Amino acid sequence: MALALYTATLVITVCANIPLNIRLGSVGTSEHAGAGREFLERRWTRWNIYRTWLSLATLLAPCIAWRRFDSPLAAESAFSAKSAGQVIHLAAKNPVPPDGETGF
């Protein structure tokens, strides 16, 4: 999901923002260019807002997935801790004799 969102952000950047940047640079700041520049700035700002929201969603998507699927690493750690607790519990019930013999 995050990869798709990031790709959409790049597509907007390449297809909308960069061409508008080039056109804005060529328009200049003369009095005759005022209305055209204002139109281009509004379009650029609109696409930049879309790009900003997509970037935020790109950042949040892995965080939400991590939280939603309860992190495989966290589940593995809990399993390991449970197993280690069982081993310690069994060792307390059946301590190894001081001479090192296990009784097998």
Protein backbone atom coordinates (compact mmCIF):
# COMPACT_ATOMS: atom_id res chain seq x y z
CA MET A 1 0.00 0.00 0.00
CA ALA A 2 2.76 2.43 0.95
CA LEU A 3 4.57 1.69 -2.31
CA ALA A 4 1.44 2.51 -4.33
CA LEU A 5 0.96 5.77 -2.43
CA TYR A 6 4.60 6.71 -2.90
CA THR A 7 4.35 5.93 -6.61
CA ALA A 8 1.30 8.20 -6.88
CA THR A 9 3.27 10.96 -5.17
CA LEU A 10 6.07 10.59 -7.70
CA VAL A 11 3.62 10.57 -10.62
CA ILE A 12 2.07 13.85 -9.40
CA THR A 13 5.52 15.35 -8.97
CA VAL A 14 6.71 14.36 -12.43
CA CYS A 15 3.46 14.91 -14.36
CA ALA A 16 2.04 17.99 -12.62
CA ASN A 17 4.40 19.88 -10.34
CA ILE A 18 7.58 19.85 -12.43
CA PRO A 19 5.87 20.98 -15.67
CA LEU A 20 4.05 23.70 -13.73
CA ASN A 21 7.35 24.78 -12.16
CA ILE A 22 8.85 25.13 -15.64
CA ARG A 23 5.84 27.10 -16.90
CA LEU A 24 5.88 29.34 -13.82
CA GLY A 25 9.56 30.06 -14.41
CA SER A 26 8.95 31.01 -18.03
CA VAL A 27 5.99 33.30 -17.25
CA GLY A 28 8.05 35.68 -15.16
CA THR A 29 6.73 38.43 -12.92
CA SER A 30 5.74 41.17 -15.38
CA GLU A 31 2.37 42.92 -15.15
CA HIS A 32 1.12 41.12 -18.25
CA ALA A 33 1.86 37.75 -16.73
CA GLY A 34 -0.09 38.43 -13.50
CA ALA A 35 -3.31 36.56 -14.34
CA GLY A 36 -1.53 33.66 -16.01
CA ARG A 37 0.89 33.33 -13.14
CA GLU A 38 -1.94 33.39 -10.60
CA PHE A 39 -3.75 30.62 -12.52
CA LEU A 40 -0.61 28.48 -12.66
CA GLU A 41 0.13 29.07 -8.97
CA ARG A 42 -3.37 27.91 -8.00
CA ARG A 43 -2.97 24.73 -10.07
CA TRP A 44 0.50 24.12 -8.64
CA THR A 45 -0.76 24.63 -5.09
CA ARG A 46 -3.68 22.24 -5.63
CA TRP A 47 -1.37 19.47 -6.92
CA ASN A 48 1.11 20.17 -4.13
CA ILE A 49 -1.64 19.68 -1.53
CA TYR A 50 -2.54 16.33 -3.12
CA ARG A 51 1.13 15.39 -3.07
CA THR A 52 1.43 16.40 0.60
CA TRP A 53 -1.57 14.27 1.64
CA LEU A 54 -0.25 11.30 -0.33
CA SER A 55 3.15 11.68 1.34
CA LEU A 56 1.49 11.69 4.75
CA ALA A 57 -0.54 8.59 3.84
CA THR A 58 2.68 6.95 2.62
CA LEU A 59 4.21 7.54 6.02
CA LEU A 60 1.15 6.35 7.96
CA ALA A 61 0.39 3.21 5.90
CA PRO A 62 3.22 1.07 7.33
CA CYS A 63 2.52 2.37 10.84
CA ILE A 64 -1.14 1.39 10.58
CA ALA A 65 -0.26 -2.00 9.09
CA TRP A 66 2.26 -2.59 11.87
CA ARG A 67 -0.32 -1.78 14.51
CA ARG A 68 -3.15 -3.64 12.79
CA PHE A 69 -1.30 -6.88 12.21
CA ASP A 70 0.31 -6.69 15.64
CA SER A 71 3.87 -6.85 14.47
CA PRO A 72 5.18 -10.33 13.68
CA LEU A 73 8.34 -9.47 15.60
CA ALA A 74 6.34 -8.61 18.72
CA ALA A 75 4.42 -11.89 18.49
CA GLU A 76 7.69 -13.80 18.07
CA SER A 77 9.19 -12.05 21.08
CA ALA A 78 6.16 -12.89 23.20
CA PHE A 79 6.40 -16.53 22.14
CA SER A 80 10.09 -16.63 23.01
CA ALA A 81 9.48 -15.06 26.41
CA LYS A 82 6.72 -17.57 27.11
CA SER A 83 8.97 -20.46 26.12
CA ALA A 84 11.81 -19.12 28.22
CA GLY A 85 9.44 -18.79 31.19
CA GLN A 86 8.38 -22.42 30.80
CA VAL A 87 12.01 -23.56 30.69
CA ILE A 88 12.81 -21.60 33.86
CA HIS A 89 9.70 -22.98 35.55
CA LEU A 90 10.64 -26.57 34.64
CA ALA A 91 14.22 -26.01 35.81
CA ALA A 92 12.95 -24.79 39.18
CA LYS A 93 10.85 -27.95 39.59
CA ASN A 94 13.65 -30.31 38.55
CA PRO A 95 16.99 -28.76 39.45
CA VAL A 96 20.14 -30.36 38.09
CA PRO A 97 22.05 -32.21 40.82
CA PRO A 98 25.22 -30.42 42.00
CA ASP A 99 27.50 -33.10 40.61
CA GLY A 100 26.25 -32.39 37.04
CA GLU A 101 24.37 -35.67 36.54
CA THR A 102 21.08 -35.23 34.75
CA GLY A 103 19.58 -38.59 35.63
CA PHE A 104 19.26 -39.82 32.05
